[in-house]
Amino acid sequence: MKKLLVLALIIFVKSAFAQKDTVGLNVPFVNNTVVYEKVFDVPTAPKNLLYSNAGLWFAETHPYVQDTQLQLVDPVLSRVVGRVKSYTVVVTDKVLWDTYYGNITYNFTLQVDCKDNKYRIRIYNIQDVLGNTYTPVDNLMFALISSKSYTLANAAVLKVPDLKQRFQALNTIVNNVIADLTKSMLVDNSF
């Protein structure tokens, strides 16, 4: 009976820790890293069309994307990988009737894997960009989960509200990039 009680206590403690949300921000934090992943079903879309469109997406210009760099095009795996630098505009301060805006910028790896009738988008290796300072968001997430401030390499301090704002901005950026890429994936470029 004692063993059963101890086992139940261990399971409860583990589940309580595992359920510790990123303060309700819906940021996927698994195995101590932030990774966004989504699979899309596209009936009647052949793998080669999806693969080609993923590569074309990196070559095009997109709103709120500062830079895309194609790093890998693997026709055997039907995989396209690149680095993306993207930003979103946020309200930084409201003083009386004046509102001040700023950009929050992230740099991340975007991977698209293609199969017949489906493709997967993975966004990982995410870095918060502040001036010339690149900070892994995993570090920021650890600070947010423990409700602590985070001091950047340039001595700027991100307090808990700042961290929450940055993760809300990250969700916006990821959603914008995925929506933009998804529009490009369905275009039939044959003529």
Protein backbone atom coordinates (compact mmCIF):
# COMPACT_ATOMS: atom_id res chain seq x y z
CA MET A 1 0.00 0.00 0.00
CA LYS A 2 2.89 2.35 0.82
CA LYS A 3 4.47 1.61 -2.56
CA LEU A 4 1.21 2.41 -4.30
CA LEU A 5 0.92 5.68 -2.38
CA VAL A 6 4.53 6.63 -3.20
CA LEU A 7 3.97 5.74 -6.87
CA ALA A 8 0.81 7.87 -6.96
CA LEU A 9 2.70 10.77 -5.36
CA ILE A 10 5.52 10.49 -7.93
CA ILE A 11 3.04 10.40 -10.81
CA PHE A 12 1.20 13.41 -9.39
CA VAL A 13 4.43 15.41 -8.97
CA LYS A 14 5.62 14.51 -12.48
CA SER A 15 2.26 15.36 -14.04
CA ALA A 16 2.12 18.64 -12.14
CA PHE A 17 5.57 19.54 -13.45
CA ALA A 18 4.77 18.36 -16.98
CA GLN A 19 1.58 20.40 -17.00
CA LYS A 20 3.38 23.54 -15.98
CA ASP A 21 2.29 25.68 -18.89
CA THR A 22 4.38 28.48 -20.28
CA VAL A 23 2.17 30.87 -18.36
CA GLY A 24 -0.72 30.29 -20.76
CA LEU A 25 1.16 31.48 -23.84
CA ASN A 26 0.72 28.30 -25.89
CA VAL A 27 4.42 27.97 -26.71
CA PRO A 28 5.48 24.36 -27.41
CA PHE A 29 8.27 23.66 -24.91
CA VAL A 30 9.20 19.98 -25.09
CA ASN A 31 12.44 18.34 -23.92
CA ASN A 32 13.73 21.74 -22.76
CA THR A 33 13.45 23.37 -26.18
CA VAL A 34 10.92 25.47 -28.07
CA VAL A 35 9.88 23.74 -31.31
CA TYR A 36 6.82 24.53 -33.39
CA GLU A 37 5.65 21.71 -35.65
CA LYS A 38 2.56 21.34 -37.80
CA VAL A 39 1.51 18.80 -40.44
CA PHE A 40 -0.76 19.82 -43.29
CA ASP A 41 -2.82 17.44 -45.42
CA VAL A 42 -3.13 18.50 -49.06
CA PRO A 43 -5.24 16.05 -51.05
CA THR A 44 -4.04 15.49 -54.62
CA ALA A 45 -0.79 17.45 -54.16
CA PRO A 46 2.22 15.45 -55.32
CA LYS A 47 5.43 15.51 -53.31
CA ASN A 48 7.43 17.20 -56.09
CA LEU A 49 5.00 20.16 -56.24
CA LEU A 50 5.13 20.69 -52.48
CA TYR A 51 8.92 20.31 -52.45
CA SER A 52 9.33 22.81 -55.28
CA ASN A 53 7.02 25.35 -53.67
CA ALA A 54 8.88 25.11 -50.36
CA GLY A 55 12.12 25.99 -52.15
CA LEU A 56 10.44 28.84 -54.02
CA TRP A 57 9.13 30.29 -50.77
CA PHE A 58 12.70 30.87 -49.56
CA ALA A 59 13.51 32.72 -52.81
CA GLU A 60 10.56 35.12 -52.58
CA THR A 61 9.96 38.28 -50.54
CA HIS A 62 7.46 38.10 -47.70
CA PRO A 63 5.83 40.61 -45.35
CA TYR A 64 7.39 40.80 -41.89
CA VAL A 65 10.32 38.61 -42.99
CA GLN A 66 13.62 40.46 -43.09
CA ASP A 67 15.74 37.69 -44.53
CA THR A 68 15.52 34.09 -45.70
CA GLN A 69 18.57 31.96 -46.38
CA LEU A 70 18.17 28.60 -48.06
CA GLN A 71 20.59 26.14 -46.41
CA LEU A 72 19.58 22.68 -47.59
CA VAL A 73 17.61 21.31 -50.52
CA ASP A 74 17.46 17.51 -50.36
CA PRO A 75 15.48 15.97 -53.23
CA VAL A 76 15.89 12.44 -51.82
CA LEU A 77 14.19 13.32 -48.53
CA SER A 78 12.06 16.06 -50.15
CA ARG A 79 13.31 18.40 -47.43
CA VAL A 80 13.99 22.13 -47.62
CA VAL A 81 15.74 23.88 -44.71
CA GLY A 82 16.73 27.48 -44.22
CA ARG A 83 17.18 30.28 -41.73
CA VAL A 84 14.53 32.96 -41.41
CA LYS A 85 14.80 36.32 -39.70
CA SER A 86 11.37 37.79 -39.04
CA TYR A 87 9.84 40.51 -36.91
CA THR A 88 6.56 41.82 -35.59
CA VAL A 89 5.59 45.31 -34.47
CA VAL A 90 4.48 45.61 -30.84
CA VAL A 91 3.40 48.40 -28.53
CA THR A 92 6.30 49.14 -26.23
CA ASP A 93 4.90 52.00 -24.14
CA LYS A 94 1.79 54.13 -23.78
CA VAL A 95 2.37 57.51 -22.20
CA LEU A 96 -0.73 59.70 -22.01
CA TRP A 97 -1.90 60.00 -25.63
CA ASP A 98 1.37 58.85 -27.23
CA THR A 99 1.96 55.23 -28.16
CA TYR A 100 5.45 53.97 -28.86
CA TYR A 101 6.05 50.98 -31.10
CA GLY A 102 9.01 48.68 -31.49
CA ASN A 103 9.99 45.56 -33.38
CA ILE A 104 10.61 42.19 -31.82
CA THR A 105 12.82 40.10 -34.08
CA TYR A 106 13.53 36.37 -34.14
CA ASN A 107 15.94 34.26 -36.13
CA PHE A 108 15.07 30.57 -36.56
CA THR A 109 15.48 27.45 -38.64
CA LEU A 110 12.53 26.56 -40.85
CA GLN A 111 12.29 23.00 -42.17
CA VAL A 112 9.71 21.73 -44.64
CA ASP A 113 9.39 17.96 -45.22
CA CYS A 114 7.21 16.87 -48.13
CA LYS A 115 5.34 13.68 -48.96
CA ASP A 116 2.53 13.00 -51.40
CA ASN A 117 -0.58 14.78 -50.11
CA LYS A 118 1.07 16.26 -46.99
CA TYR A 119 3.90 18.37 -45.69
CA ARG A 120 5.31 19.23 -42.28
CA ILE A 121 6.65 22.58 -41.11
CA ARG A 122 9.12 22.66 -38.21
CA ILE A 123 10.44 25.85 -36.65
CA TYR A 124 13.29 25.37 -34.20
CA ASN A 125 16.68 26.71 -33.11
CA ILE A 126 14.91 29.99 -32.35
CA GLN A 127 16.92 33.02 -31.27
CA ASP A 128 15.66 36.31 -29.90
CA VAL A 129 17.43 39.16 -31.70
CA LEU A 130 17.99 42.42 -29.84
CA GLY A 131 20.46 44.62 -31.70
CA ASN A 132 23.52 42.43 -32.20
CA THR A 133 22.60 40.11 -29.33
CA TYR A 134 21.20 36.68 -30.21
CA THR A 135 19.67 34.79 -27.27
CA PRO A 136 18.25 31.25 -27.52
CA VAL A 137 14.55 31.39 -26.63
CA ASP A 138 15.03 28.19 -24.63
CA ASN A 139 16.95 30.30 -22.09
CA LEU A 140 14.16 32.88 -22.03
CA MET A 141 11.59 30.12 -21.51
CA PHE A 142 13.49 28.75 -18.51
CA ALA A 143 13.47 32.25 -16.99
CA LEU A 144 9.75 32.69 -17.71
CA ILE A 145 8.81 29.30 -16.26
CA SER A 146 10.72 30.10 -13.06
CA SER A 147 9.26 33.66 -13.03
CA LYS A 148 12.68 35.29 -13.09
CA SER A 149 14.13 38.17 -15.08
CA TYR A 150 16.68 37.40 -17.78
CA THR A 151 19.81 39.49 -18.33
CA LEU A 152 20.94 39.58 -21.96
CA ALA A 153 24.58 39.66 -23.04
CA ASN A 154 24.35 43.42 -23.66
CA ALA A 155 23.22 43.89 -20.01
CA ALA A 156 19.58 44.61 -20.93
CA VAL A 157 17.16 43.00 -18.48
CA LEU A 158 13.96 41.30 -19.62
CA LYS A 159 11.47 41.13 -16.75
CA VAL A 160 8.62 38.59 -16.66
CA PRO A 161 6.14 40.92 -18.48
CA ASP A 162 8.81 41.55 -21.14
CA LEU A 163 9.37 37.81 -21.54
CA LYS A 164 5.63 37.23 -21.92
CA GLN A 165 5.45 39.96 -24.55
CA ARG A 166 8.36 38.39 -26.44
CA PHE A 167 6.70 34.96 -26.49
CA GLN A 168 3.41 36.47 -27.61
CA ALA A 169 5.36 38.14 -30.42
CA LEU A 170 7.04 34.82 -31.23
CA ASN A 171 3.62 33.15 -31.59
CA THR A 172 2.53 35.96 -33.93
CA ILE A 173 5.68 35.62 -36.03
CA VAL A 174 5.38 31.83 -36.26
CA ASN A 175 1.71 32.07 -37.23
CA ASN A 176 2.47 34.71 -39.90
CA VAL A 177 5.32 32.69 -41.39
CA ILE A 178 3.32 29.45 -41.40
CA ALA A 179 0.31 31.19 -43.00
CA ASP A 180 2.51 32.77 -45.68
CA LEU A 181 4.32 29.52 -46.40
CA THR A 182 1.04 27.60 -46.50
CA LYS A 183 -0.32 29.94 -49.20
CA SER A 184 2.80 29.28 -51.29
CA MET A 185 2.66 25.52 -50.84
CA LEU A 186 -0.66 25.20 -52.66
CA VAL A 187 0.24 27.16 -55.79
CA ASP A 188 0.50 25.13 -58.99
CA ASN A 189 3.45 26.64 -60.88
CA SER A 190 3.17 24.37 -63.90
CA PHE A 191 2.10 25.86 -67.22
